[in-house]
Amino acid sequence: MWPFGRAKPLGPQGERIARQFLSRRGMKLLARNYRCPVGEIDLIMLEGASSTQPGEGTIVFVEVKARRNDSYTDPEAAVDGHKQHRIKRAAARYLASRDSERYNVRYDIVSVVVPPGQQPRVRHITDAFR
């Protein structure tokens, strides 16, 4: 048994921090933890949308990576080619099920580092992959 106890899962906290971070920058939440048979997307946000021009703006598919430290590697390094492929397939399913052809699409990564007893550090990587 691990002698130091069990750490609380960081994923939900990281996603909450990322969602708040993006919302403060004017993005609107469309969905969180979207799941389908081909994959999962942490956050789906809408950027630059206008209530007067439907279809204007960008649908942003966001992968959130949270860690307690980044001493060895950056959290976003975990979003490898295989993970990107799964996100893109899930995004295609999401888009196909909605009236979304007039929107731009982008894939972002939000890296959240939450050191114990310190403020979280957030890094938003826009257009992280295509």
N, C-alpha and C. Protein backbone atom coordinates (compact mmCIF):
# COMPACT_ATOMS: atom_id res chain seq x y z
N MET A 1 0.84 -1.19 0.00
CA MET A 1 0.00 0.00 0.00
C MET A 1 0.88 1.25 0.00
N TRP A 2 0.46 2.24 -0.72
CA TRP A 2 1.17 3.51 -0.80
C TRP A 2 1.15 4.17 0.57
N PRO A 3 2.30 4.52 1.14
CA PRO A 3 2.34 4.99 2.53
C PRO A 3 1.85 6.41 2.76
N PHE A 4 1.63 7.17 1.73
CA PHE A 4 1.30 8.58 1.92
C PHE A 4 -0.18 8.89 1.73
N GLY A 5 -1.01 7.89 1.65
CA GLY A 5 -2.44 8.12 1.45
C GLY A 5 -2.75 8.34 -0.02
N ARG A 6 -4.02 8.46 -0.29
CA ARG A 6 -4.44 8.65 -1.67
C ARG A 6 -4.70 10.12 -1.95
N ALA A 7 -4.15 10.58 -3.05
CA ALA A 7 -4.41 11.95 -3.47
C ALA A 7 -5.78 12.02 -4.13
N LYS A 8 -6.44 13.14 -3.93
CA LYS A 8 -7.73 13.34 -4.59
C LYS A 8 -7.51 13.48 -6.09
N PRO A 9 -8.43 12.96 -6.90
CA PRO A 9 -8.28 13.10 -8.35
C PRO A 9 -8.21 14.58 -8.74
N LEU A 10 -7.30 14.87 -9.64
CA LEU A 10 -7.07 16.26 -10.03
C LEU A 10 -7.87 16.66 -11.27
N GLY A 11 -8.33 15.68 -12.04
CA GLY A 11 -9.03 15.98 -13.30
C GLY A 11 -10.21 16.92 -13.17
N PRO A 12 -11.18 16.65 -12.29
CA PRO A 12 -12.33 17.55 -12.19
C PRO A 12 -11.94 18.97 -11.75
N GLN A 13 -10.97 19.07 -10.85
CA GLN A 13 -10.51 20.39 -10.41
C GLN A 13 -9.84 21.12 -11.56
N GLY A 14 -9.01 20.43 -12.31
CA GLY A 14 -8.34 21.04 -13.46
C GLY A 14 -9.33 21.51 -14.51
N GLU A 15 -10.36 20.71 -14.76
CA GLU A 15 -11.38 21.11 -15.73
C GLU A 15 -12.16 22.33 -15.27
N ARG A 16 -12.46 22.39 -13.98
CA ARG A 16 -13.17 23.55 -13.43
C ARG A 16 -12.31 24.81 -13.57
N ILE A 17 -11.04 24.70 -13.24
CA ILE A 17 -10.12 25.84 -13.35
C ILE A 17 -10.03 26.28 -14.81
N ALA A 18 -9.89 25.34 -15.73
CA ALA A 18 -9.79 25.65 -17.16
C ALA A 18 -11.08 26.32 -17.65
N ARG A 19 -12.22 25.78 -17.26
CA ARG A 19 -13.51 26.34 -17.69
C ARG A 19 -13.64 27.79 -17.22
N GLN A 20 -13.29 28.04 -15.96
CA GLN A 20 -13.37 29.41 -15.43
C GLN A 20 -12.40 30.34 -16.16
N PHE A 21 -11.20 29.84 -16.42
CA PHE A 21 -10.19 30.61 -17.13
C PHE A 21 -10.70 31.03 -18.51
N LEU A 22 -11.25 30.08 -19.26
CA LEU A 22 -11.74 30.36 -20.60
C LEU A 22 -12.98 31.25 -20.58
N SER A 23 -13.85 31.05 -19.61
CA SER A 23 -15.05 31.88 -19.49
C SER A 23 -14.69 33.33 -19.22
N ARG A 24 -13.67 33.55 -18.39
CA ARG A 24 -13.22 34.92 -18.10
C ARG A 24 -12.65 35.59 -19.36
N ARG A 25 -12.27 34.82 -20.32
CA ARG A 25 -11.76 35.35 -21.58
C ARG A 25 -12.85 35.44 -22.65
N GLY A 26 -14.10 35.32 -22.21
CA GLY A 26 -15.23 35.55 -23.11
C GLY A 26 -15.76 34.34 -23.84
N MET A 27 -15.25 33.15 -23.53
CA MET A 27 -15.75 31.96 -24.20
C MET A 27 -16.97 31.43 -23.45
N LYS A 28 -17.88 30.85 -24.20
CA LYS A 28 -19.12 30.31 -23.63
C LYS A 28 -19.06 28.79 -23.64
N LEU A 29 -19.44 28.18 -22.53
CA LEU A 29 -19.44 26.73 -22.43
C LEU A 29 -20.60 26.14 -23.21
N LEU A 30 -20.31 25.21 -24.12
CA LEU A 30 -21.34 24.48 -24.84
C LEU A 30 -21.56 23.10 -24.23
N ALA A 31 -20.46 22.44 -23.83
CA ALA A 31 -20.58 21.10 -23.24
C ALA A 31 -19.31 20.81 -22.45
N ARG A 32 -19.46 19.94 -21.46
CA ARG A 32 -18.28 19.47 -20.74
C ARG A 32 -18.38 17.96 -20.63
N ASN A 33 -17.24 17.32 -20.68
CA ASN A 33 -17.15 15.86 -20.64
C ASN A 33 -18.07 15.20 -21.67
N TYR A 34 -17.99 15.71 -22.90
CA TYR A 34 -18.77 15.13 -24.00
C TYR A 34 -18.18 13.76 -24.32
N ARG A 35 -19.05 12.75 -24.30
CA ARG A 35 -18.61 11.38 -24.59
C ARG A 35 -19.43 10.81 -25.74
N CYS A 36 -18.73 10.04 -26.56
CA CYS A 36 -19.38 9.31 -27.63
C CYS A 36 -18.56 8.03 -27.83
N PRO A 37 -19.02 7.11 -28.67
CA PRO A 37 -18.30 5.84 -28.82
C PRO A 37 -16.84 5.96 -29.26
N VAL A 38 -16.47 7.06 -29.91
CA VAL A 38 -15.10 7.17 -30.42
C VAL A 38 -14.16 7.98 -29.55
N GLY A 39 -14.68 8.60 -28.50
CA GLY A 39 -13.80 9.39 -27.64
C GLY A 39 -14.54 10.30 -26.70
N GLU A 40 -13.75 11.17 -26.07
CA GLU A 40 -14.27 12.09 -25.06
C GLU A 40 -13.58 13.43 -25.22
N ILE A 41 -14.33 14.50 -24.97
CA ILE A 41 -13.78 15.85 -25.03
C ILE A 41 -14.09 16.53 -23.71
N ASP A 42 -13.05 17.10 -23.09
CA ASP A 42 -13.21 17.69 -21.77
C ASP A 42 -14.16 18.89 -21.80
N LEU A 43 -13.87 19.86 -22.67
CA LEU A 43 -14.70 21.07 -22.76
C LEU A 43 -14.94 21.41 -24.22
N ILE A 44 -16.15 21.86 -24.50
CA ILE A 44 -16.46 22.40 -25.82
C ILE A 44 -16.95 23.82 -25.57
N MET A 45 -16.23 24.78 -26.14
CA MET A 45 -16.50 26.18 -25.88
C MET A 45 -16.84 26.89 -27.19
N LEU A 46 -17.48 28.04 -27.07
CA LEU A 46 -17.80 28.87 -28.22
C LEU A 46 -17.10 30.21 -28.01
N GLU A 47 -16.32 30.60 -29.01
CA GLU A 47 -15.57 31.85 -28.93
C GLU A 47 -16.02 32.80 -30.02
N GLY A 48 -16.19 34.06 -29.67
CA GLY A 48 -16.47 35.09 -30.66
C GLY A 48 -17.86 35.04 -31.26
N ALA A 49 -18.81 34.41 -30.58
CA ALA A 49 -20.16 34.32 -31.12
C ALA A 49 -20.94 35.59 -30.81
N SER A 50 -21.80 35.94 -31.72
CA SER A 50 -22.66 37.10 -31.56
C SER A 50 -24.11 36.63 -31.54
N SER A 51 -24.89 37.22 -30.69
CA SER A 51 -26.31 36.84 -30.65
C SER A 51 -27.05 37.35 -31.88
N THR A 52 -26.47 38.33 -32.59
CA THR A 52 -27.14 38.86 -33.77
C THR A 52 -26.77 38.11 -35.04
N GLN A 53 -25.67 37.38 -35.03
CA GLN A 53 -25.22 36.63 -36.20
C GLN A 53 -25.02 35.16 -35.85
N PRO A 54 -26.07 34.34 -35.87
CA PRO A 54 -25.89 32.92 -35.60
C PRO A 54 -24.91 32.31 -36.60
N GLY A 55 -24.08 31.41 -36.12
CA GLY A 55 -23.11 30.78 -36.98
C GLY A 55 -21.79 31.52 -37.02
N GLU A 56 -21.74 32.64 -36.35
CA GLU A 56 -20.50 33.40 -36.29
C GLU A 56 -19.69 32.92 -35.08
N GLY A 57 -18.41 32.78 -35.24
CA GLY A 57 -17.58 32.38 -34.12
C GLY A 57 -16.87 31.06 -34.37
N THR A 58 -16.25 30.58 -33.31
CA THR A 58 -15.44 29.38 -33.40
C THR A 58 -15.84 28.40 -32.31
N ILE A 59 -16.09 27.15 -32.70
CA ILE A 59 -16.30 26.09 -31.72
C ILE A 59 -14.92 25.56 -31.37
N VAL A 60 -14.61 25.58 -30.08
CA VAL A 60 -13.28 25.20 -29.61
C VAL A 60 -13.39 23.92 -28.79
N PHE A 61 -12.69 22.89 -29.24
CA PHE A 61 -12.63 21.62 -28.52
C PHE A 61 -11.38 21.67 -27.65
N VAL A 62 -11.57 21.54 -26.35
CA VAL A 62 -10.49 21.77 -25.40
C VAL A 62 -10.15 20.49 -24.65
N GLU A 63 -8.88 20.14 -24.70
CA GLU A 63 -8.35 19.04 -23.89
C GLU A 63 -7.65 19.68 -22.69
N VAL A 64 -8.05 19.27 -21.49
CA VAL A 64 -7.47 19.80 -20.26
C VAL A 64 -6.52 18.76 -19.68
N LYS A 65 -5.32 19.18 -19.37
CA LYS A 65 -4.34 18.32 -18.72
C LYS A 65 -3.92 18.98 -17.41
N ALA A 66 -4.19 18.30 -16.31
CA ALA A 66 -3.87 18.84 -14.99
C ALA A 66 -2.84 17.96 -14.31
N ARG A 67 -1.90 18.60 -13.65
CA ARG A 67 -0.86 17.91 -12.91
C ARG A 67 -0.59 18.66 -11.61
N ARG A 68 0.01 17.98 -10.66
CA ARG A 68 0.40 18.63 -9.41
C ARG A 68 1.73 19.38 -9.57
N ASN A 69 2.56 18.93 -10.52
CA ASN A 69 3.79 19.66 -10.81
C ASN A 69 4.18 19.38 -12.26
N ASP A 70 5.07 20.22 -12.75
CA ASP A 70 5.55 20.03 -14.12
C ASP A 70 7.07 19.91 -14.15
N SER A 71 7.60 19.30 -13.10
CA SER A 71 9.05 19.16 -12.96
C SER A 71 9.66 18.32 -14.08
N TYR A 72 8.98 17.28 -14.50
CA TYR A 72 9.55 16.35 -15.47
C TYR A 72 9.12 16.63 -16.89
N THR A 73 7.89 17.06 -17.06
CA THR A 73 7.39 17.36 -18.40
C THR A 73 6.17 18.25 -18.28
N ASP A 74 5.89 18.97 -19.33
CA ASP A 74 4.69 19.81 -19.35
C ASP A 74 3.46 18.93 -19.50
N PRO A 75 2.36 19.28 -18.83
CA PRO A 75 1.15 18.45 -18.92
C PRO A 75 0.66 18.25 -20.36
N GLU A 76 0.79 19.27 -21.19
CA GLU A 76 0.28 19.16 -22.56
C GLU A 76 1.04 18.14 -23.40
N ALA A 77 2.20 17.71 -22.94
CA ALA A 77 2.95 16.69 -23.66
C ALA A 77 2.20 15.36 -23.72
N ALA A 78 1.23 15.18 -22.83
CA ALA A 78 0.44 13.95 -22.81
C ALA A 78 -0.57 13.89 -23.95
N VAL A 79 -0.76 14.99 -24.66
CA VAL A 79 -1.71 15.01 -25.78
C VAL A 79 -0.94 14.62 -27.05
N ASP A 80 -0.71 13.33 -27.18
CA ASP A 80 0.06 12.81 -28.30
C ASP A 80 -0.83 12.64 -29.54
N GLY A 81 -0.24 12.13 -30.61
CA GLY A 81 -0.97 11.95 -31.87
C GLY A 81 -2.20 11.08 -31.73
N HIS A 82 -2.10 10.00 -30.95
CA HIS A 82 -3.25 9.11 -30.74
C HIS A 82 -4.38 9.85 -30.04
N LYS A 83 -4.05 10.60 -29.01
CA LYS A 83 -5.08 11.37 -28.28
C LYS A 83 -5.70 12.44 -29.18
N GLN A 84 -4.88 13.10 -29.97
CA GLN A 84 -5.40 14.11 -30.90
C GLN A 84 -6.38 13.49 -31.89
N HIS A 85 -6.04 12.32 -32.40
CA HIS A 85 -6.91 11.62 -33.35
C HIS A 85 -8.27 11.31 -32.71
N ARG A 86 -8.26 10.82 -31.47
CA ARG A 86 -9.51 10.51 -30.78
C ARG A 86 -10.35 11.76 -30.54
N ILE A 87 -9.70 12.86 -30.18
CA ILE A 87 -10.42 14.12 -29.96
C ILE A 87 -11.06 14.59 -31.27
N LYS A 88 -10.31 14.52 -32.36
CA LYS A 88 -10.85 14.96 -33.66
C LYS A 88 -12.03 14.10 -34.10
N ARG A 89 -11.95 12.79 -33.85
CA ARG A 89 -13.07 11.91 -34.21
C ARG A 89 -14.31 12.24 -33.36
N ALA A 90 -14.11 12.46 -32.07
CA ALA A 90 -15.24 12.82 -31.20
C ALA A 90 -15.80 14.18 -31.61
N ALA A 91 -14.93 15.11 -31.96
CA ALA A 91 -15.38 16.44 -32.40
C ALA A 91 -16.23 16.32 -33.66
N ALA A 92 -15.82 15.46 -34.58
CA ALA A 92 -16.58 15.27 -35.82
C ALA A 92 -17.99 14.75 -35.50
N ARG A 93 -18.08 13.84 -34.55
CA ARG A 93 -19.40 13.34 -34.13
C ARG A 93 -20.24 14.47 -33.54
N TYR A 94 -19.64 15.27 -32.68
CA TYR A 94 -20.36 16.39 -32.06
C TYR A 94 -20.87 17.34 -33.13
N LEU A 95 -19.99 17.71 -34.07
CA LEU A 95 -20.37 18.67 -35.11
C LEU A 95 -21.45 18.11 -36.03
N ALA A 96 -21.38 16.82 -36.33
CA ALA A 96 -22.36 16.20 -37.22
C ALA A 96 -23.76 16.17 -36.61
N SER A 97 -23.82 16.21 -35.29
CA SER A 97 -25.12 16.12 -34.62
C SER A 97 -25.74 17.50 -34.37
N ARG A 98 -25.09 18.55 -34.86
CA ARG A 98 -25.57 19.91 -34.64
C ARG A 98 -25.48 20.72 -35.93
N ASP A 99 -26.17 21.85 -35.93
CA ASP A 99 -26.12 22.77 -37.07
C ASP A 99 -24.86 23.63 -36.91
N SER A 100 -23.73 23.10 -37.36
CA SER A 100 -22.47 23.75 -37.04
C SER A 100 -21.61 24.10 -38.25
N GLU A 101 -22.10 23.88 -39.45
CA GLU A 101 -21.25 24.06 -40.61
C GLU A 101 -20.80 25.50 -40.83
N ARG A 102 -21.47 26.48 -40.25
CA ARG A 102 -21.07 27.88 -40.43
C ARG A 102 -20.03 28.34 -39.42
N TYR A 103 -19.68 27.46 -38.49
CA TYR A 103 -18.70 27.83 -37.46
C TYR A 103 -17.30 27.39 -37.86
N ASN A 104 -16.32 28.15 -37.42
CA ASN A 104 -14.94 27.71 -37.50
C ASN A 104 -14.72 26.69 -36.39
N VAL A 105 -13.69 25.88 -36.52
CA VAL A 105 -13.38 24.85 -35.52
C VAL A 105 -11.91 24.97 -35.14
N ARG A 106 -11.64 24.78 -33.86
CA ARG A 106 -10.26 24.85 -33.37
C ARG A 106 -10.07 23.84 -32.24
N TYR A 107 -8.84 23.37 -32.08
CA TYR A 107 -8.50 22.43 -31.03
C TYR A 107 -7.46 23.08 -30.11
N ASP A 108 -7.81 23.25 -28.85
CA ASP A 108 -6.92 23.88 -27.88
C ASP A 108 -6.56 22.90 -26.77
N ILE A 109 -5.48 23.21 -26.08
CA ILE A 109 -5.10 22.48 -24.88
C ILE A 109 -4.99 23.50 -23.75
N VAL A 110 -5.53 23.16 -22.60
CA VAL A 110 -5.32 23.97 -21.41
C VAL A 110 -4.55 23.12 -20.41
N SER A 111 -3.38 23.61 -20.06
CA SER A 111 -2.51 22.94 -19.10
C SER A 111 -2.70 23.61 -17.74
N VAL A 112 -3.01 22.81 -16.73
CA VAL A 112 -3.23 23.33 -15.38
C VAL A 112 -2.26 22.62 -14.43
N VAL A 113 -1.43 23.39 -13.77
CA VAL A 113 -0.51 22.84 -12.77
C VAL A 113 -0.97 23.37 -11.42
N VAL A 114 -1.29 22.43 -10.52
CA VAL A 114 -1.83 22.78 -9.20
C VAL A 114 -0.87 22.28 -8.12
N PRO A 115 0.19 23.06 -7.83
CA PRO A 115 1.12 22.63 -6.78
C PRO A 115 0.44 22.71 -5.41
N PRO A 116 0.69 21.74 -4.53
CA PRO A 116 0.07 21.77 -3.21
C PRO A 116 0.37 23.08 -2.47
N GLY A 117 -0.67 23.72 -1.99
CA GLY A 117 -0.53 24.95 -1.21
C GLY A 117 -0.22 26.19 -2.02
N GLN A 118 -0.28 26.10 -3.35
CA GLN A 118 0.01 27.26 -4.19
C GLN A 118 -1.14 27.50 -5.16
N GLN A 119 -1.12 28.67 -5.76
CA GLN A 119 -2.12 29.01 -6.76
C GLN A 119 -1.88 28.19 -8.03
N PRO A 120 -2.95 27.76 -8.69
CA PRO A 120 -2.79 27.02 -9.95
C PRO A 120 -2.16 27.91 -11.03
N ARG A 121 -1.40 27.27 -11.89
CA ARG A 121 -0.83 27.94 -13.07
C ARG A 121 -1.53 27.38 -14.29
N VAL A 122 -2.06 28.28 -15.12
CA VAL A 122 -2.82 27.87 -16.30
C VAL A 122 -2.10 28.37 -17.55
N ARG A 123 -1.99 27.47 -18.52
CA ARG A 123 -1.42 27.84 -19.82
C ARG A 123 -2.42 27.39 -20.89
N HIS A 124 -2.84 28.34 -21.71
CA HIS A 124 -3.81 28.07 -22.77
C HIS A 124 -3.06 28.04 -24.10
N ILE A 125 -3.08 26.89 -24.76
CA ILE A 125 -2.41 26.73 -26.04
C ILE A 125 -3.49 26.70 -27.11
N THR A 126 -3.62 27.80 -27.84
CA THR A 126 -4.65 27.88 -28.88
C THR A 126 -4.15 27.20 -30.15
N ASP A 127 -5.10 26.62 -30.86
CA ASP A 127 -4.79 25.95 -32.12
C ASP A 127 -3.62 24.97 -31.94
N ALA A 128 -3.73 24.15 -30.91
CA ALA A 128 -2.65 23.24 -30.51
C ALA A 128 -2.37 22.15 -31.54
N PHE A 129 -3.39 21.76 -32.27
CA PHE A 129 -3.22 20.76 -33.32
C PHE A 129 -4.33 20.91 -34.32
N ARG A 130 -4.16 20.29 -35.48
CA ARG A 130 -5.16 20.39 -36.56
C ARG A 130 -5.65 19.04 -36.94
